[in-house]
Amino acid sequence: MFFDECAEVQTQWLDYWQEYAVKVEVPVMYALAEKAWLWTVSEQHVRDFARGFKGESEGREWVGAGDCALFGS
């Protein structure tokens, strides 16, 4: 399952996430770990993602943080 999800993130998720994001009507706080291995991490990407939501949103890069997948290694 994990590998299927990773493949979808890289090939499909970017095409449809905004369809879901515009339907979210509660405030969203989003943080992306600086050392995430699955995502392209930059302040601009974080801001662009947060802006995709209809309601109030905030996005920040979590400087120095590792991805949760790294905790098991």
Protein backbone atom coordinates (compact mmCIF):
# COMPACT_ATOMS: atom_id res chain seq x y z
CA MET A 1 0.00 0.00 0.00
CA PHE A 2 2.74 2.48 0.91
CA PHE A 3 4.42 2.26 -2.50
CA ASP A 4 1.09 2.68 -4.30
CA GLU A 5 0.44 5.86 -2.32
CA CYS A 6 3.91 7.21 -3.10
CA ALA A 7 3.38 6.57 -6.80
CA GLU A 8 -0.01 8.29 -6.76
CA VAL A 9 1.41 11.35 -5.02
CA GLN A 10 4.03 11.75 -7.71
CA THR A 11 1.78 11.00 -10.69
CA GLN A 12 -1.85 11.90 -9.89
CA TRP A 13 -2.36 13.83 -6.65
CA LEU A 14 -1.13 17.14 -8.03
CA ASP A 15 -3.83 16.93 -10.71
CA TYR A 16 -6.79 16.64 -8.33
CA TRP A 17 -6.02 17.94 -4.83
CA GLN A 18 -7.43 21.40 -5.56
CA GLU A 19 -10.84 19.90 -6.38
CA TYR A 20 -11.02 18.76 -2.77
CA ALA A 21 -9.29 21.77 -1.21
CA VAL A 22 -11.87 24.29 -2.44
CA LYS A 23 -14.58 22.30 -0.63
CA VAL A 24 -12.90 22.63 2.78
CA GLU A 25 -14.75 25.29 4.76
CA VAL A 26 -12.84 25.23 8.05
CA PRO A 27 -9.51 26.97 8.75
CA VAL A 28 -6.49 24.94 7.65
CA MET A 29 -3.08 25.03 9.27
CA TYR A 30 -0.49 23.28 7.11
CA ALA A 31 3.16 22.61 7.86
CA LEU A 32 5.68 20.77 5.72
CA ALA A 33 8.84 19.33 7.24
CA GLU A 34 11.98 20.88 5.81
CA LYS A 35 13.55 17.45 5.38
CA ALA A 36 10.52 15.69 3.90
CA TRP A 37 11.68 13.20 1.29
CA LEU A 38 8.36 12.75 -0.49
CA TRP A 39 7.59 16.41 -1.26
CA THR A 40 9.40 19.31 -2.87
CA VAL A 41 9.89 21.62 0.09
CA SER A 42 10.03 25.40 -0.27
CA GLU A 43 8.25 28.36 1.29
CA GLN A 44 6.62 29.05 -2.10
CA HIS A 45 5.19 25.52 -2.39
CA VAL A 46 3.83 25.72 1.15
CA ARG A 47 2.17 29.10 0.47
CA ASP A 48 0.73 27.89 -2.85
CA PHE A 49 -0.75 24.80 -1.19
CA ALA A 50 -2.29 26.80 1.67
CA ARG A 51 -3.82 29.26 -0.80
CA GLY A 52 -5.60 26.38 -2.54
CA PHE A 53 -8.13 26.15 0.29
CA LYS A 54 -11.38 28.12 0.20
CA GLY A 55 -11.38 29.22 3.84
CA GLU A 56 -8.75 30.83 5.98
CA SER A 57 -5.46 28.97 5.78
CA GLU A 58 -1.91 29.22 6.96
CA GLY A 59 1.11 27.37 5.67
CA ARG A 60 4.62 27.19 7.05
CA GLU A 61 7.80 25.27 6.42
CA TRP A 62 8.80 23.42 9.59
CA VAL A 63 12.53 24.20 9.57
CA GLY A 64 14.74 21.42 10.89
CA ALA A 65 11.94 18.85 11.03
CA GLY A 66 12.21 15.45 9.42
CA ASP A 67 9.52 13.52 7.61
CA CYS A 68 7.50 11.09 9.73
CA ALA A 69 8.78 8.26 7.50
CA LEU A 70 12.25 9.00 8.84
CA PHE A 71 11.23 8.26 12.42
CA GLY A 72 11.30 4.52 11.77
CA SER A 73 14.81 4.50 10.37
